[in-house]
Amino acid sequence: MTTLYTMPGTCSLSPNIAVAWLDAPVEVHNMAYGDHKNEDYLAINPKGKVPALRFDDGDVLTEAAAILAWLGAAHGKEGYARDTRLGRKEAEALSYMTSEVHAAYGGHFAPKNLAESAAAQEEVKRKTYKTLASHYERMNGALSDNGGEWYLGQRSFADTFLYVLTRWLEQTPLSIEDYPALKAHRARMEADEGVRVALKRQNMEPVG
């Protein structure tokens, strides 16, 4: 069976939710934190990161956006790859969230990789939170402009990654209270049965 490798607290929650929404025939294998650096997993994904999707023939697909694209194309009722407005906008939103916004968290998760001295690392974090605030403001506005319920006006995989990002916000000095549309979206996601299934599979709890 096709297997999705996940780990608590990571962006692998996004394709995990997608699997639940689609009821796709994919086994979710949740690893303990740190197991992504073990030899067994590195043999599957030499990057040492999650998510990874391993197929029956041994082929492996990595990167959340790529996995979401495959899930939608293979199992979605309206295939992700179809030339529809929602499909195009979904691809655009996921590219933005998984590259620009996710990448901006580098200064939060590992400032020592960007600066050596303690003072320089603090400056990295200061700039990081300024950048993240700009991203969250933009996403809050986009969500509001599209009606406030779903990021693109209709439920899509963009909502799964947005949920990851609104969870991560709690680790920063930023406040979800400054982004009311995002706060409401997070609550809506946590009331969703598929989201709850995915959280349980990764030994995670709703933020509340």
C-alpha atoms as a PDB file:
ATOM      1  CA  MET A   1       0.000   0.000   0.000  1.00  0.00           C
ATOM      2  CA  THR A   2       1.088   3.578  -0.598  1.00  0.00           C
ATOM      3  CA  THR A   3       2.490   5.021   2.628  1.00  0.00           C
ATOM      4  CA  LEU A   4       2.617   8.629   3.820  1.00  0.00           C
ATOM      5  CA  TYR A   5       5.357   9.333   6.355  1.00  0.00           C
ATOM      6  CA  THR A   6       4.528  12.016   8.895  1.00  0.00           C
ATOM      7  CA  MET A   7       5.854  13.417  12.167  1.00  0.00           C
ATOM      8  CA  PRO A   8       4.106  15.458  14.887  1.00  0.00           C
ATOM      9  CA  GLY A   9       4.226  19.231  14.541  1.00  0.00           C
ATOM     10  CA  THR A  10       5.378  19.250  10.931  1.00  0.00           C
ATOM     11  CA  CYS A  11       3.867  20.293   7.625  1.00  0.00           C
ATOM     12  CA  SER A  12       3.208  16.610   6.910  1.00  0.00           C
ATOM     13  CA  LEU A  13      -0.112  17.271   8.643  1.00  0.00           C
ATOM     14  CA  SER A  14      -1.270  18.953   5.429  1.00  0.00           C
ATOM     15  CA  PRO A  15      -1.205  15.876   3.149  1.00  0.00           C
ATOM     16  CA  ASN A  16      -2.412  13.784   6.095  1.00  0.00           C
ATOM     17  CA  ILE A  17      -5.566  15.917   6.170  1.00  0.00           C
ATOM     18  CA  ALA A  18      -5.883  15.594   2.396  1.00  0.00           C
ATOM     19  CA  VAL A  19      -5.737  11.797   2.697  1.00  0.00           C
ATOM     20  CA  ALA A  20      -8.554  11.960   5.259  1.00  0.00           C
ATOM     21  CA  TRP A  21     -10.661  14.295   3.128  1.00  0.00           C
ATOM     22  CA  LEU A  22     -10.275  12.069   0.071  1.00  0.00           C
ATOM     23  CA  ASP A  23     -10.530   8.811   2.006  1.00  0.00           C
ATOM     24  CA  ALA A  24      -7.580   7.812  -0.151  1.00  0.00           C
ATOM     25  CA  PRO A  25      -6.101   4.296   0.149  1.00  0.00           C
ATOM     26  CA  VAL A  26      -2.931   5.572   1.792  1.00  0.00           C
ATOM     27  CA  GLU A  27      -1.431   4.268   5.022  1.00  0.00           C
ATOM     28  CA  VAL A  28      -0.194   7.003   7.355  1.00  0.00           C
ATOM     29  CA  HIS A  29       2.994   6.079   9.191  1.00  0.00           C
ATOM     30  CA  ASN A  30       3.647   8.584  11.964  1.00  0.00           C
ATOM     31  CA  MET A  31       7.236   8.650  13.188  1.00  0.00           C
ATOM     32  CA  ALA A  32       8.489   9.849  16.539  1.00  0.00           C
ATOM     33  CA  TYR A  33      10.301  13.165  16.408  1.00  0.00           C
ATOM     34  CA  GLY A  34      13.901  12.542  15.413  1.00  0.00           C
ATOM     35  CA  ASP A  35      13.228   9.337  13.507  1.00  0.00           C
ATOM     36  CA  HIS A  36      13.466  11.289  10.244  1.00  0.00           C
ATOM     37  CA  LYS A  37      17.246  11.164  10.713  1.00  0.00           C
ATOM     38  CA  ASN A  38      17.385   7.391  11.217  1.00  0.00           C
ATOM     39  CA  GLU A  39      19.045   5.214   8.579  1.00  0.00           C
ATOM     40  CA  ASP A  40      15.816   3.404   7.732  1.00  0.00           C
ATOM     41  CA  TYR A  41      14.011   6.627   6.893  1.00  0.00           C
ATOM     42  CA  LEU A  42      17.005   8.201   5.156  1.00  0.00           C
ATOM     43  CA  ALA A  43      16.932   5.210   2.821  1.00  0.00           C
ATOM     44  CA  ILE A  44      13.407   6.307   1.882  1.00  0.00           C
ATOM     45  CA  ASN A  45      14.040  10.054   1.818  1.00  0.00           C
ATOM     46  CA  PRO A  46      17.716  11.077   1.883  1.00  0.00           C
ATOM     47  CA  LYS A  47      16.633  14.666   2.593  1.00  0.00           C
ATOM     48  CA  GLY A  48      15.713  13.541   6.087  1.00  0.00           C
ATOM     49  CA  LYS A  49      12.464  15.475   6.032  1.00  0.00           C
ATOM     50  CA  VAL A  50       8.744  14.779   6.056  1.00  0.00           C
ATOM     51  CA  PRO A  51       6.409  14.294   4.362  1.00  0.00           C
ATOM     52  CA  ALA A  52       7.361  11.496   2.018  1.00  0.00           C
ATOM     53  CA  LEU A  53       5.004   9.293   0.039  1.00  0.00           C
ATOM     54  CA  ARG A  54       6.262   5.801  -0.817  1.00  0.00           C
ATOM     55  CA  PHE A  55       4.479   3.818  -3.510  1.00  0.00           C
ATOM     56  CA  ASP A  56       4.122   0.051  -3.797  1.00  0.00           C
ATOM     57  CA  ASP A  57       6.822  -0.084  -6.468  1.00  0.00           C
ATOM     58  CA  GLY A  58       9.317   1.674  -4.187  1.00  0.00           C
ATOM     59  CA  ASP A  59       9.087   5.057  -5.893  1.00  0.00           C
ATOM     60  CA  VAL A  60       9.098   7.974  -3.447  1.00  0.00           C
ATOM     61  CA  LEU A  61       7.535  11.417  -3.766  1.00  0.00           C
ATOM     62  CA  THR A  62       8.651  14.216  -1.446  1.00  0.00           C
ATOM     63  CA  GLU A  63       7.605  17.840  -0.804  1.00  0.00           C
ATOM     64  CA  ALA A  64       4.143  18.629   0.537  1.00  0.00           C
ATOM     65  CA  ALA A  65       2.936  20.518  -2.539  1.00  0.00           C
ATOM     66  CA  ALA A  66       3.965  17.680  -4.859  1.00  0.00           C
ATOM     67  CA  ILE A  67       2.268  15.087  -2.665  1.00  0.00           C
ATOM     68  CA  LEU A  68      -0.907  17.168  -2.502  1.00  0.00           C
ATOM     69  CA  ALA A  69      -0.856  17.529  -6.293  1.00  0.00           C
ATOM     70  CA  TRP A  70      -0.592  13.768  -6.736  1.00  0.00           C
ATOM     71  CA  LEU A  71      -3.312  13.049  -4.174  1.00  0.00           C
ATOM     72  CA  GLY A  72      -5.696  15.394  -5.918  1.00  0.00           C
ATOM     73  CA  ALA A  73      -4.908  14.065  -9.386  1.00  0.00           C
ATOM     74  CA  ALA A  74      -5.097  10.414  -8.331  1.00  0.00           C
ATOM     75  CA  HIS A  75      -7.985  10.473  -5.882  1.00  0.00           C
ATOM     76  CA  GLY A  76      -9.790  13.816  -6.085  1.00  0.00           C
ATOM     77  CA  LYS A  77     -13.292  14.016  -7.519  1.00  0.00           C
ATOM     78  CA  GLU A  78     -12.156  17.113  -9.386  1.00  0.00           C
ATOM     79  CA  GLY A  79      -8.586  16.194 -10.267  1.00  0.00           C
ATOM     80  CA  TYR A  80      -6.022  18.693  -9.086  1.00  0.00           C
ATOM     81  CA  ALA A  81      -4.336  18.754 -12.505  1.00  0.00           C
ATOM     82  CA  ARG A  82      -7.500  19.727 -14.366  1.00  0.00           C
ATOM     83  CA  ASP A  83      -7.506  23.155 -15.933  1.00  0.00           C
ATOM     84  CA  THR A  84     -10.080  24.775 -13.678  1.00  0.00           C
ATOM     85  CA  ARG A  85      -9.894  28.097 -11.909  1.00  0.00           C
ATOM     86  CA  LEU A  86      -9.875  26.391  -8.514  1.00  0.00           C
ATOM     87  CA  GLY A  87      -7.121  24.022  -9.616  1.00  0.00           C
ATOM     88  CA  ARG A  88      -4.972  26.879 -10.889  1.00  0.00           C
ATOM     89  CA  LYS A  89      -5.479  29.005  -7.800  1.00  0.00           C
ATOM     90  CA  GLU A  90      -4.898  26.016  -5.533  1.00  0.00           C
ATOM     91  CA  ALA A  91      -1.532  25.385  -7.183  1.00  0.00           C
ATOM     92  CA  GLU A  92      -0.631  29.060  -6.828  1.00  0.00           C
ATOM     93  CA  ALA A  93      -1.648  29.246  -3.158  1.00  0.00           C
ATOM     94  CA  LEU A  94       0.203  26.061  -2.251  1.00  0.00           C
ATOM     95  CA  SER A  95       3.327  27.246  -4.031  1.00  0.00           C
ATOM     96  CA  TYR A  96       3.230  30.472  -2.027  1.00  0.00           C
ATOM     97  CA  MET A  97       2.538  28.804   1.316  1.00  0.00           C
ATOM     98  CA  THR A  98       5.033  25.957   0.951  1.00  0.00           C
ATOM     99  CA  SER A  99       7.856  28.092  -0.401  1.00  0.00           C
ATOM    100  CA  GLU A 100       7.647  31.703   0.732  1.00  0.00           C
ATOM    101  CA  VAL A 101       5.797  31.367   4.039  1.00  0.00           C
ATOM    102  CA  HIS A 102       7.283  28.035   5.096  1.00  0.00           C
ATOM    103  CA  ALA A 103      10.781  29.191   4.132  1.00  0.00           C
ATOM    104  CA  ALA A 104      10.361  32.342   6.205  1.00  0.00           C
ATOM    105  CA  TYR A 105      10.138  30.126   9.291  1.00  0.00           C
ATOM    106  CA  GLY A 106      13.809  29.232   8.890  1.00  0.00           C
ATOM    107  CA  GLY A 107      14.770  32.204  11.021  1.00  0.00           C
ATOM    108  CA  HIS A 108      12.417  30.996  13.755  1.00  0.00           C
ATOM    109  CA  PHE A 109      13.180  27.277  13.774  1.00  0.00           C
ATOM    110  CA  ALA A 110      16.939  27.528  13.213  1.00  0.00           C
ATOM    111  CA  PRO A 111      18.350  31.081  13.557  1.00  0.00           C
ATOM    112  CA  LYS A 112      21.787  29.590  14.262  1.00  0.00           C
ATOM    113  CA  ASN A 113      21.885  28.440  10.648  1.00  0.00           C
ATOM    114  CA  LEU A 114      21.635  32.057   9.531  1.00  0.00           C
ATOM    115  CA  ALA A 115      23.842  33.835  12.077  1.00  0.00           C
ATOM    116  CA  GLU A 116      26.628  32.928  14.502  1.00  0.00           C
ATOM    117  CA  SER A 117      26.490  35.326  17.449  1.00  0.00           C
ATOM    118  CA  ALA A 118      23.574  35.519  19.865  1.00  0.00           C
ATOM    119  CA  ALA A 119      22.993  39.162  18.961  1.00  0.00           C
ATOM    120  CA  ALA A 120      22.927  38.367  15.259  1.00  0.00           C
ATOM    121  CA  GLN A 121      20.508  35.507  15.841  1.00  0.00           C
ATOM    122  CA  GLU A 122      18.164  37.836  17.712  1.00  0.00           C
ATOM    123  CA  GLU A 123      18.255  40.210  14.749  1.00  0.00           C
ATOM    124  CA  VAL A 124      17.460  37.306  12.437  1.00  0.00           C
ATOM    125  CA  LYS A 125      14.442  36.431  14.561  1.00  0.00           C
ATOM    126  CA  ARG A 126      13.279  40.049  14.667  1.00  0.00           C
ATOM    127  CA  LYS A 127      13.343  40.255  10.880  1.00  0.00           C
ATOM    128  CA  THR A 128      11.758  36.820  10.607  1.00  0.00           C
ATOM    129  CA  TYR A 129       8.728  37.805  12.673  1.00  0.00           C
ATOM    130  CA  LYS A 130       8.349  41.018  10.682  1.00  0.00           C
ATOM    131  CA  THR A 131       8.327  38.996   7.465  1.00  0.00           C
ATOM    132  CA  LEU A 132       5.915  36.440   8.890  1.00  0.00           C
ATOM    133  CA  ALA A 133       3.557  39.178  10.070  1.00  0.00           C
ATOM    134  CA  SER A 134       3.426  40.465   6.503  1.00  0.00           C
ATOM    135  CA  HIS A 135       2.633  36.983   5.181  1.00  0.00           C
ATOM    136  CA  TYR A 136      -0.108  36.390   7.749  1.00  0.00           C
ATOM    137  CA  GLU A 137      -1.629  39.786   6.998  1.00  0.00           C
ATOM    138  CA  ARG A 138      -1.685  38.921   3.302  1.00  0.00           C
ATOM    139  CA  MET A 139      -3.262  35.511   3.904  1.00  0.00           C
ATOM    140  CA  ASN A 140      -5.811  36.994   6.310  1.00  0.00           C
ATOM    141  CA  GLY A 141      -6.787  39.500   3.631  1.00  0.00           C
ATOM    142  CA  ALA A 142      -6.995  36.880   0.887  1.00  0.00           C
ATOM    143  CA  LEU A 143      -9.207  34.685   3.052  1.00  0.00           C
ATOM    144  CA  SER A 144     -11.489  37.622   3.861  1.00  0.00           C
ATOM    145  CA  ASP A 145     -11.691  38.664   0.211  1.00  0.00           C
ATOM    146  CA  ASN A 146     -12.838  35.150  -0.724  1.00  0.00           C
ATOM    147  CA  GLY A 147     -15.696  35.121   1.768  1.00  0.00           C
ATOM    148  CA  GLY A 148     -13.848  34.129   4.929  1.00  0.00           C
ATOM    149  CA  GLU A 149     -14.837  30.463   4.988  1.00  0.00           C
ATOM    150  CA  TRP A 150     -12.231  28.819   2.760  1.00  0.00           C
ATOM    151  CA  TYR A 151      -8.983  30.308   1.486  1.00  0.00           C
ATOM    152  CA  LEU A 152     -10.025  30.144  -2.177  1.00  0.00           C
ATOM    153  CA  GLY A 153     -13.766  30.499  -1.639  1.00  0.00           C
ATOM    154  CA  GLN A 154     -14.197  26.714  -1.875  1.00  0.00           C
ATOM    155  CA  ARG A 155     -12.523  24.066   0.244  1.00  0.00           C
ATOM    156  CA  SER A 156      -9.186  23.050  -1.243  1.00  0.00           C
ATOM    157  CA  PHE A 157      -5.837  21.637  -0.212  1.00  0.00           C
ATOM    158  CA  ALA A 158      -4.694  25.217   0.348  1.00  0.00           C
ATOM    159  CA  ASP A 159      -6.775  25.088   3.526  1.00  0.00           C
ATOM    160  CA  THR A 160      -4.784  22.119   4.812  1.00  0.00           C
ATOM    161  CA  PHE A 161      -1.486  23.963   4.589  1.00  0.00           C
ATOM    162  CA  LEU A 162      -2.966  27.212   5.872  1.00  0.00           C
ATOM    163  CA  TYR A 163      -4.053  25.277   8.956  1.00  0.00           C
ATOM    164  CA  VAL A 164      -0.462  24.141   9.520  1.00  0.00           C
ATOM    165  CA  LEU A 165       0.711  27.738   9.279  1.00  0.00           C
ATOM    166  CA  THR A 166      -1.893  29.028  11.734  1.00  0.00           C
ATOM    167  CA  ARG A 167      -0.787  26.339  14.187  1.00  0.00           C
ATOM    168  CA  TRP A 168       2.862  27.354  13.813  1.00  0.00           C
ATOM    169  CA  LEU A 169       1.947  30.971  14.507  1.00  0.00           C
ATOM    170  CA  GLU A 170       1.438  29.993  18.158  1.00  0.00           C
ATOM    171  CA  GLN A 171       5.180  29.327  18.466  1.00  0.00           C
ATOM    172  CA  THR A 172       6.019  32.918  17.560  1.00  0.00           C
ATOM    173  CA  PRO A 173       5.475  36.295  19.277  1.00  0.00           C
ATOM    174  CA  LEU A 174       2.674  36.954  16.775  1.00  0.00           C
ATOM    175  CA  SER A 175      -0.948  36.666  17.883  1.00  0.00           C
ATOM    176  CA  ILE A 176      -3.777  34.976  16.005  1.00  0.00           C
ATOM    177  CA  GLU A 177      -6.024  37.687  17.459  1.00  0.00           C
ATOM    178  CA  ASP A 178      -4.507  40.110  14.950  1.00  0.00           C
ATOM    179  CA  TYR A 179      -5.787  37.954  12.096  1.00  0.00           C
ATOM    180  CA  PRO A 180      -9.498  37.345  12.743  1.00  0.00           C
ATOM    181  CA  ALA A 181     -10.192  35.588   9.453  1.00  0.00           C
ATOM    182  CA  LEU A 182      -7.323  33.173  10.080  1.00  0.00           C
ATOM    183  CA  LYS A 183      -8.526  32.585  13.637  1.00  0.00           C
ATOM    184  CA  ALA A 184     -12.007  31.685  12.395  1.00  0.00           C
ATOM    185  CA  HIS A 185     -10.532  29.450   9.697  1.00  0.00           C
ATOM    186  CA  ARG A 186      -8.429  27.562  12.233  1.00  0.00           C
ATOM    187  CA  ALA A 187     -11.483  26.968  14.406  1.00  0.00           C
ATOM    188  CA  ARG A 188     -13.440  25.778  11.368  1.00  0.00           C
ATOM    189  CA  MET A 189     -10.673  23.358  10.440  1.00  0.00           C
ATOM    190  CA  GLU A 190     -10.499  21.964  13.960  1.00  0.00           C
ATOM    191  CA  ALA A 191     -14.225  21.262  13.867  1.00  0.00           C
ATOM    192  CA  ASP A 192     -13.732  19.234  10.685  1.00  0.00           C
ATOM    193  CA  GLU A 193     -13.870  15.448  11.089  1.00  0.00           C
ATOM    194  CA  GLY A 194     -11.058  14.806   8.611  1.00  0.00           C
ATOM    195  CA  VAL A 195      -8.782  17.238  10.400  1.00  0.00           C
ATOM    196  CA  ARG A 196      -9.481  15.540  13.709  1.00  0.00           C
ATOM    197  CA  VAL A 197      -8.675  12.153  12.179  1.00  0.00           C
ATOM    198  CA  ALA A 198      -5.372  13.491  10.846  1.00  0.00           C
ATOM    199  CA  LEU A 199      -4.459  15.103  14.167  1.00  0.00           C
ATOM    200  CA  LYS A 200      -5.109  11.843  15.993  1.00  0.00           C
ATOM    201  CA  ARG A 201      -2.955   9.930  13.509  1.00  0.00           C
ATOM    202  CA  GLN A 202      -0.057  12.283  14.264  1.00  0.00           C
ATOM    203  CA  ASN A 203      -0.604  12.307  18.035  1.00  0.00           C
ATOM    204  CA  MET A 204      -1.482  16.001  17.938  1.00  0.00           C
ATOM    205  CA  GLU A 205      -4.198  18.043  19.621  1.00  0.00           C
ATOM    206  CA  PRO A 206      -6.295  20.953  18.349  1.00  0.00           C
ATOM    207  CA  VAL A 207      -4.856  24.360  19.192  1.00  0.00           C
ATOM    208  CA  GLY A 208      -8.233  25.648  20.306  1.00  0.00           C
END
